[in-house]
Amino acid sequence: MISERLIQRDWTKTMTSAASAVYGAVSYTDKKALSLVDVMGFTGHAFRLNIDPIEVNVAGPTSFPGGYILRRNLCNLGYTSNMGEASTPVSPDNLEQTIALIQRSVDKGYPAIVFDLFIPEFGLIYGYDDDMQIFNAKDVSQEGTITYADFGRPKIPVLFLVTIEDSLPHSKYEMLRMALDMIVEHARGREWTYNFKDRYTQGLKGYDAWIQVMENRNAEEFGNAYNIAVAADAREFAVKFLQEMSIKWDGSNVVERTVRSKAAEAAAHYETVAEALSDLREIFPFPQGGQPKNPILADSAIKLLNIAREAETKGIEVLEKLLHFMKAYHSDIWIKPTSS
């Protein structure tokens, strides 16, 4: 049962490297009390689904406009941020500016969030040695050093990073409202996707794309298993995040009581999603991959994906209602009528 797995699992680790990197950076700030569950929920990463509609390839979970998403993530958590981005081949001036931005952040005590350090995942640069021309860095694959020169030759066609600038005194109400806005926007396919728009299918429609790939018997073994591992892990965090809200919000006013009620209602739907994806993970384990082109296994996958899609649709409807409530509350508090 999913409830037993939730009790036993480690809540300090996630398959979502973007959220893991954000959490790692935030842990060096005044908001270090935020847990990974908080970060996964308030950034919306616990609710993301980004599917390649051809073969469910391995790049799906990390194929999104990183600067746009991560800067919104940090804003949700209460930070201003900076972004460094340069197309390859990176010019000496652009590389120098990017290195300076990283050094400035590290000097302030904040690691820089970077993509494609040792493998094509998000990671952190947390130190540097200007004399030796090296960065101290880590991602999900390893911790070690990378030279300035190698850093300036990324394997992807862009040099990318985001750094924390200042901390803002966001209330939990504001954090939740902004988080729900990202979650619903993504689920409904309204999120800005830049050049990924025609390559990947987002949110609830991602389930439709995934099901179609399974019906076509065209899922790539490694990529399919990786997408399942990331999505199943994320939805377990979604359940935990919602369950914690349903308990920790104190119920002392109408907003607190509404959040508690809606979070509990949504958590029940996401338990069903997490259960279905967990069953799918057992059929197609990562990194082994399983046999997604096998007709019997593919049909089993389709049934589970349909269950997950139906339950997540209901969960999003609940969160959408909560978002509308939070926006109305925000307007009532901050927009006051004037009299002549």
Protein backbone atom coordinates (compact mmCIF):
# COMPACT_ATOMS: atom_id res chain seq x y z
CA MET A 1 0.00 0.00 0.00
CA ILE A 2 1.13 3.53 -0.73
CA SER A 3 0.65 4.60 2.90
CA GLU A 4 3.21 2.01 4.05
CA ARG A 5 5.72 3.12 1.42
CA LEU A 6 5.27 6.75 2.46
CA ILE A 7 6.09 5.88 6.06
CA GLN A 8 9.23 3.98 5.09
CA ARG A 9 10.70 6.23 2.41
CA ASP A 10 13.49 8.81 2.77
CA TRP A 11 12.06 12.34 2.47
CA THR A 12 15.50 13.96 2.11
CA LYS A 13 16.05 12.62 -1.41
CA THR A 14 14.13 12.97 -4.67
CA MET A 15 14.44 11.91 -8.31
CA THR A 16 13.60 15.49 -9.35
CA SER A 17 17.07 17.00 -9.64
CA ALA A 18 15.78 20.57 -10.17
CA ALA A 19 13.98 20.52 -6.82
CA SER A 20 16.92 18.77 -5.17
CA ALA A 21 19.25 21.56 -6.36
CA VAL A 22 16.84 24.27 -5.19
CA TYR A 23 16.58 22.55 -1.81
CA GLY A 24 20.36 22.31 -1.58
CA ALA A 25 20.77 26.02 -2.30
CA VAL A 26 17.98 27.07 0.07
CA SER A 27 19.50 25.02 2.90
CA TYR A 28 22.31 27.61 3.07
CA THR A 29 19.92 30.53 3.59
CA ASP A 30 17.72 31.95 6.34
CA LYS A 31 14.97 29.59 5.17
CA LYS A 32 17.00 26.44 5.83
CA ALA A 33 14.11 25.13 7.95
CA LEU A 34 12.21 24.38 4.73
CA SER A 35 12.15 20.62 4.17
CA LEU A 36 12.51 18.91 0.82
CA VAL A 37 8.79 18.13 1.07
CA ASP A 38 8.12 21.87 1.39
CA VAL A 39 10.37 22.65 -1.57
CA MET A 40 8.84 19.95 -3.78
CA GLY A 41 5.36 21.25 -2.98
CA PHE A 42 5.83 25.01 -3.04
CA THR A 43 7.87 24.88 -6.26
CA GLY A 44 5.26 22.66 -7.92
CA HIS A 45 7.82 19.98 -8.83
CA ALA A 46 5.81 17.37 -6.91
CA PHE A 47 3.01 17.91 -9.46
CA ARG A 48 4.97 18.13 -12.74
CA LEU A 49 4.67 15.78 -15.73
CA ASN A 50 6.56 16.48 -18.96
CA ILE A 51 6.28 13.67 -21.52
CA ASP A 52 7.91 13.11 -24.88
CA PRO A 53 4.96 12.02 -27.09
CA ILE A 54 7.08 9.89 -29.43
CA GLU A 55 8.90 7.44 -27.16
CA VAL A 56 8.79 8.87 -23.61
CA ASN A 57 12.48 9.74 -23.78
CA VAL A 58 14.83 10.24 -20.87
CA ALA A 59 15.09 14.02 -21.37
CA GLY A 60 11.44 14.71 -20.55
CA PRO A 61 11.69 15.45 -16.81
CA THR A 62 14.44 18.05 -17.30
CA SER A 63 13.26 19.56 -20.61
CA PHE A 64 11.71 22.87 -19.62
CA PRO A 65 12.80 26.53 -19.69
CA GLY A 66 15.02 26.27 -16.62
CA GLY A 67 15.51 29.95 -15.93
CA TYR A 68 11.79 30.71 -16.09
CA ILE A 69 10.79 27.74 -13.91
CA LEU A 70 13.59 27.92 -11.36
CA ARG A 71 13.30 31.67 -10.87
CA ARG A 72 9.55 31.24 -10.27
CA ASN A 73 10.40 28.39 -7.90
CA LEU A 74 12.71 30.64 -5.90
CA CYS A 75 10.15 33.46 -5.96
CA ASN A 76 7.54 31.08 -4.51
CA LEU A 77 9.94 30.27 -1.68
CA GLY A 78 10.64 33.94 -1.04
CA TYR A 79 13.79 34.86 -2.96
CA THR A 80 14.88 37.21 -5.68
CA SER A 81 17.32 35.58 -8.10
CA ASN A 82 19.72 36.08 -10.98
CA MET A 83 20.15 34.05 -14.14
CA GLY A 84 23.20 33.49 -16.28
CA GLU A 85 22.68 32.07 -19.74
CA ALA A 86 24.94 31.96 -22.80
CA SER A 87 24.62 30.03 -26.05
CA THR A 88 27.45 27.76 -27.11
CA PRO A 89 30.14 28.16 -28.13
CA VAL A 90 30.46 30.43 -25.11
CA SER A 91 32.45 33.60 -25.75
CA PRO A 92 35.29 34.47 -23.35
CA ASP A 93 33.34 37.53 -22.15
CA ASN A 94 30.18 35.53 -21.45
CA LEU A 95 32.15 32.85 -19.65
CA GLU A 96 33.91 35.46 -17.54
CA GLN A 97 30.57 37.07 -16.61
CA THR A 98 29.04 33.70 -15.75
CA ILE A 99 32.00 32.71 -13.59
CA ALA A 100 31.81 36.08 -11.82
CA LEU A 101 28.10 35.52 -11.08
CA ILE A 102 28.86 32.10 -9.57
CA GLN A 103 31.72 33.49 -7.48
CA ARG A 104 29.54 36.34 -6.22
CA SER A 105 26.88 33.89 -5.11
CA VAL A 106 29.37 31.53 -3.44
CA ASP A 107 31.01 34.48 -1.68
CA LYS A 108 27.58 35.34 -0.22
CA GLY A 109 27.28 31.76 1.02
CA TYR A 110 24.72 30.57 -1.55
CA PRO A 111 25.52 27.73 -3.98
CA ALA A 112 24.70 28.36 -7.64
CA ILE A 113 22.11 26.12 -9.32
CA VAL A 114 23.56 24.78 -12.58
CA PHE A 115 22.57 22.28 -15.26
CA ASP A 116 24.85 19.71 -16.90
CA LEU A 117 27.82 19.62 -14.55
CA PHE A 118 28.77 15.94 -14.66
CA ILE A 119 25.61 14.57 -16.28
CA PRO A 120 22.57 16.31 -17.85
CA GLU A 121 20.81 16.98 -14.54
CA PHE A 122 20.60 19.94 -12.17
CA GLY A 123 23.32 20.36 -9.57
CA LEU A 124 25.17 22.88 -7.41
CA ILE A 125 28.44 24.78 -7.53
CA TYR A 126 29.34 25.57 -3.92
CA GLY A 127 33.01 26.59 -4.02
CA TYR A 128 35.84 27.73 -6.26
CA ASP A 129 39.61 28.15 -6.45
CA ASP A 130 40.56 31.03 -8.69
CA ASP A 131 44.24 30.14 -8.66
CA MET A 132 43.58 26.56 -9.82
CA GLN A 133 40.65 27.68 -12.03
CA ILE A 134 38.26 25.05 -10.65
CA PHE A 135 34.76 24.87 -9.15
CA ASN A 136 33.64 22.55 -6.37
CA ALA A 137 30.39 20.99 -7.52
CA LYS A 138 27.94 18.14 -7.05
CA ASP A 139 24.96 16.63 -8.81
CA VAL A 140 23.05 13.37 -8.50
CA SER A 141 25.90 11.40 -10.07
CA GLN A 142 28.94 12.64 -8.14
CA GLU A 143 30.68 15.34 -6.12
CA GLY A 144 33.98 16.71 -7.30
CA THR A 145 35.71 19.50 -9.19
CA ILE A 146 35.25 20.90 -12.67
CA THR A 147 37.61 23.33 -14.37
CA TYR A 148 36.44 26.72 -15.53
CA ALA A 149 37.32 25.66 -19.07
CA ASP A 150 35.26 22.44 -18.94
CA PHE A 151 32.38 24.34 -17.34
CA GLY A 152 32.46 26.69 -20.33
CA ARG A 153 32.03 23.77 -22.74
CA PRO A 154 28.65 22.30 -21.77
CA LYS A 155 27.34 19.24 -23.60
CA ILE A 156 24.02 20.97 -24.16
CA PRO A 157 23.80 24.08 -26.41
CA VAL A 158 23.56 26.56 -23.53
CA LEU A 159 25.50 27.50 -20.42
CA PHE A 160 22.90 27.92 -17.70
CA LEU A 161 22.70 28.81 -14.02
CA VAL A 162 20.47 30.53 -11.45
CA THR A 163 21.62 32.13 -8.22
CA ILE A 164 19.80 33.33 -5.12
CA GLU A 165 20.05 37.07 -4.53
CA ASP A 166 17.93 38.22 -1.56
CA SER A 167 15.43 36.67 0.83
CA LEU A 168 11.91 38.11 1.04
CA PRO A 169 9.45 37.86 3.95
CA HIS A 170 6.76 35.85 2.15
CA SER A 171 3.88 34.58 4.27
CA LYS A 172 2.81 30.96 3.96
CA TYR A 173 -0.43 32.22 2.40
CA GLU A 174 1.46 33.96 -0.39
CA MET A 175 3.77 30.98 -0.89
CA LEU A 176 0.79 28.64 -1.24
CA ARG A 177 -1.09 30.93 -3.60
CA MET A 178 1.90 31.23 -5.94
CA ALA A 179 2.58 27.49 -5.72
CA LEU A 180 -1.01 26.63 -6.62
CA ASP A 181 -0.84 29.04 -9.54
CA MET A 182 2.21 27.17 -10.92
CA ILE A 183 0.70 23.75 -10.24
CA VAL A 184 -2.61 24.50 -11.97
CA GLU A 185 -0.96 26.39 -14.84
CA HIS A 186 1.28 23.38 -15.53
CA ALA A 187 -1.50 20.82 -15.18
CA ARG A 188 -3.74 22.72 -17.60
CA GLY A 189 -0.96 23.08 -20.18
CA ARG A 190 -0.75 26.86 -19.81
CA GLU A 191 2.84 27.03 -18.63
CA TRP A 192 5.27 28.94 -20.86
CA THR A 193 7.45 26.33 -22.58
CA TYR A 194 9.60 28.36 -25.01
CA ASN A 195 11.18 25.99 -27.57
CA PHE A 196 9.96 22.84 -25.75
CA LYS A 197 6.33 23.44 -26.75
CA ASP A 198 6.29 21.16 -29.80
CA ARG A 199 8.54 18.51 -28.29
CA TYR A 200 6.88 17.65 -24.98
CA THR A 201 3.37 17.36 -23.56
CA GLN A 202 2.72 18.80 -20.13
CA GLY A 203 0.49 18.19 -17.19
CA LEU A 204 -2.71 16.19 -17.49
CA LYS A 205 -2.32 15.91 -21.26
CA GLY A 206 1.02 14.24 -20.56
CA TYR A 207 -0.91 11.17 -19.47
CA ASP A 208 -2.73 11.11 -22.82
CA ALA A 209 0.58 11.33 -24.68
CA TRP A 210 2.08 8.58 -22.52
CA ILE A 211 -0.90 6.30 -23.07
CA GLN A 212 -0.67 6.86 -26.84
CA VAL A 213 3.00 5.86 -26.83
CA MET A 214 2.10 2.69 -24.95
CA GLU A 215 -0.68 1.94 -27.41
CA ASN A 216 1.83 2.42 -30.25
CA ARG A 217 4.24 0.03 -28.45
CA ASN A 218 6.94 2.63 -28.96
CA ALA A 219 8.15 3.45 -25.42
CA GLU A 220 11.94 3.56 -25.07
CA GLU A 221 12.97 1.19 -22.28
CA PHE A 222 15.38 3.36 -20.31
CA GLY A 223 13.53 6.63 -20.86
CA ASN A 224 10.14 5.18 -19.96
CA ALA A 225 11.47 3.71 -16.73
CA TYR A 226 13.17 7.01 -15.83
CA ASN A 227 9.99 9.02 -16.41
CA ILE A 228 8.05 6.56 -14.26
CA ALA A 229 10.66 6.76 -11.47
CA VAL A 230 10.58 10.56 -11.48
CA ALA A 231 6.79 10.83 -11.67
CA ALA A 232 6.15 8.19 -8.99
CA ASP A 233 8.65 9.82 -6.66
CA ALA A 234 7.15 13.27 -7.29
CA ARG A 235 3.58 12.15 -6.57
CA GLU A 236 4.67 10.58 -3.30
CA PHE A 237 6.01 14.01 -2.36
CA ALA A 238 2.71 15.54 -3.49
CA VAL A 239 0.82 13.27 -1.10
CA LYS A 240 3.17 14.07 1.78
CA PHE A 241 3.04 17.82 1.09
CA LEU A 242 -0.76 17.86 1.02
CA GLN A 243 -1.07 15.63 4.07
CA GLU A 244 1.25 17.89 6.05
CA MET A 245 -0.79 20.96 5.09
CA SER A 246 -3.98 19.25 6.20
CA ILE A 247 -2.44 18.78 9.65
CA LYS A 248 -0.03 21.70 10.17
CA TRP A 249 -2.31 24.56 9.13
CA ASP A 250 -3.95 25.35 12.46
CA GLY A 251 -7.57 25.97 11.46
CA SER A 252 -7.73 29.25 13.39
CA ASN A 253 -9.48 31.16 10.59
CA VAL A 254 -11.45 30.51 7.42
CA VAL A 255 -8.33 30.37 5.25
CA GLU A 256 -6.60 27.88 7.54
CA ARG A 257 -9.70 25.70 7.69
CA THR A 258 -10.22 25.83 3.92
CA VAL A 259 -6.61 24.91 3.24
CA ARG A 260 -6.80 21.99 5.66
CA SER A 261 -10.01 20.69 4.10
CA LYS A 262 -8.97 21.04 0.47
CA ALA A 263 -5.46 19.69 1.10
CA ALA A 264 -6.90 16.56 2.72
CA GLU A 265 -9.35 16.11 -0.15
CA ALA A 266 -6.61 16.51 -2.77
CA ALA A 267 -4.24 14.23 -0.86
CA ALA A 268 -6.73 11.37 -1.13
CA HIS A 269 -6.77 11.70 -4.92
CA TYR A 270 -2.98 11.94 -5.11
CA GLU A 271 -2.64 8.79 -3.01
CA THR A 272 -4.42 7.00 -5.85
CA VAL A 273 -2.07 8.62 -8.38
CA ALA A 274 1.00 7.65 -6.38
CA GLU A 275 -0.26 4.09 -5.94
CA ALA A 276 -0.83 3.64 -9.68
CA LEU A 277 2.58 5.08 -10.59
CA SER A 278 4.26 3.00 -7.91
CA ASP A 279 2.71 -0.14 -9.41
CA LEU A 280 3.94 1.03 -12.80
CA ARG A 281 7.43 1.48 -11.35
CA GLU A 282 7.45 -2.16 -10.28
CA ILE A 283 6.63 -3.30 -13.84
CA PHE A 284 9.27 -1.03 -15.41
CA PRO A 285 12.02 -0.57 -12.80
CA PHE A 286 14.71 2.05 -13.29
CA PRO A 287 17.41 1.71 -14.57
CA GLN A 288 16.72 -1.80 -15.86
CA GLY A 289 13.78 -0.55 -17.92
CA GLY A 290 11.61 -3.62 -18.29
CA GLN A 291 9.77 -4.41 -21.52
CA PRO A 292 7.37 -1.56 -22.37
CA LYS A 293 6.89 -2.85 -25.94
CA ASN A 294 5.55 -6.16 -24.63
CA PRO A 295 1.79 -6.02 -25.45
CA ILE A 296 0.67 -7.50 -22.13
CA LEU A 297 2.88 -5.19 -20.07
CA ALA A 298 2.02 -2.17 -22.22
CA ASP A 299 -1.69 -2.82 -21.73
CA SER A 300 -1.14 -3.10 -17.97
CA ALA A 301 0.67 0.24 -18.11
CA ILE A 302 -2.22 1.83 -19.98
CA LYS A 303 -4.67 0.75 -17.26
CA LEU A 304 -2.47 2.21 -14.53
CA LEU A 305 -1.89 5.45 -16.44
CA ASN A 306 -5.64 5.84 -16.91
CA ILE A 307 -6.15 5.39 -13.16
CA ALA A 308 -3.44 7.98 -12.44
CA ARG A 309 -4.85 10.43 -14.98
CA GLU A 310 -8.40 10.18 -13.62
CA ALA A 311 -7.27 10.62 -10.01
CA GLU A 312 -4.90 13.48 -10.81
CA THR A 313 -7.64 15.24 -12.77
CA LYS A 314 -9.80 15.14 -9.64
CA GLY A 315 -6.89 16.28 -7.49
CA ILE A 316 -6.18 19.24 -9.74
CA GLU A 317 -9.85 20.24 -9.69
CA VAL A 318 -9.63 20.44 -5.89
CA LEU A 319 -6.40 22.44 -5.99
CA GLU A 320 -7.91 24.73 -8.62
CA LYS A 321 -10.81 25.50 -6.27
CA LEU A 322 -8.33 26.20 -3.50
CA LEU A 323 -6.38 28.52 -5.82
CA HIS A 324 -9.52 30.50 -6.65
CA PHE A 325 -10.26 30.79 -2.93
CA MET A 326 -6.70 31.95 -2.15
CA LYS A 327 -6.82 34.55 -4.93
CA ALA A 328 -10.14 35.88 -3.65
CA TYR A 329 -8.73 36.02 -0.12
CA HIS A 330 -5.64 37.85 -1.41
CA SER A 331 -7.83 40.40 -3.19
CA ASP A 332 -9.99 40.94 -0.11
CA ILE A 333 -6.92 41.62 2.01
CA TRP A 334 -4.95 43.83 -0.34
CA ILE A 335 -7.49 45.55 -2.59
CA LYS A 336 -9.67 47.80 -0.52
CA PRO A 337 -12.50 49.90 -1.97
CA THR A 338 -12.07 53.65 -1.76
CA SER A 339 -14.75 56.19 -0.97
CA SER A 340 -15.01 59.69 -2.34
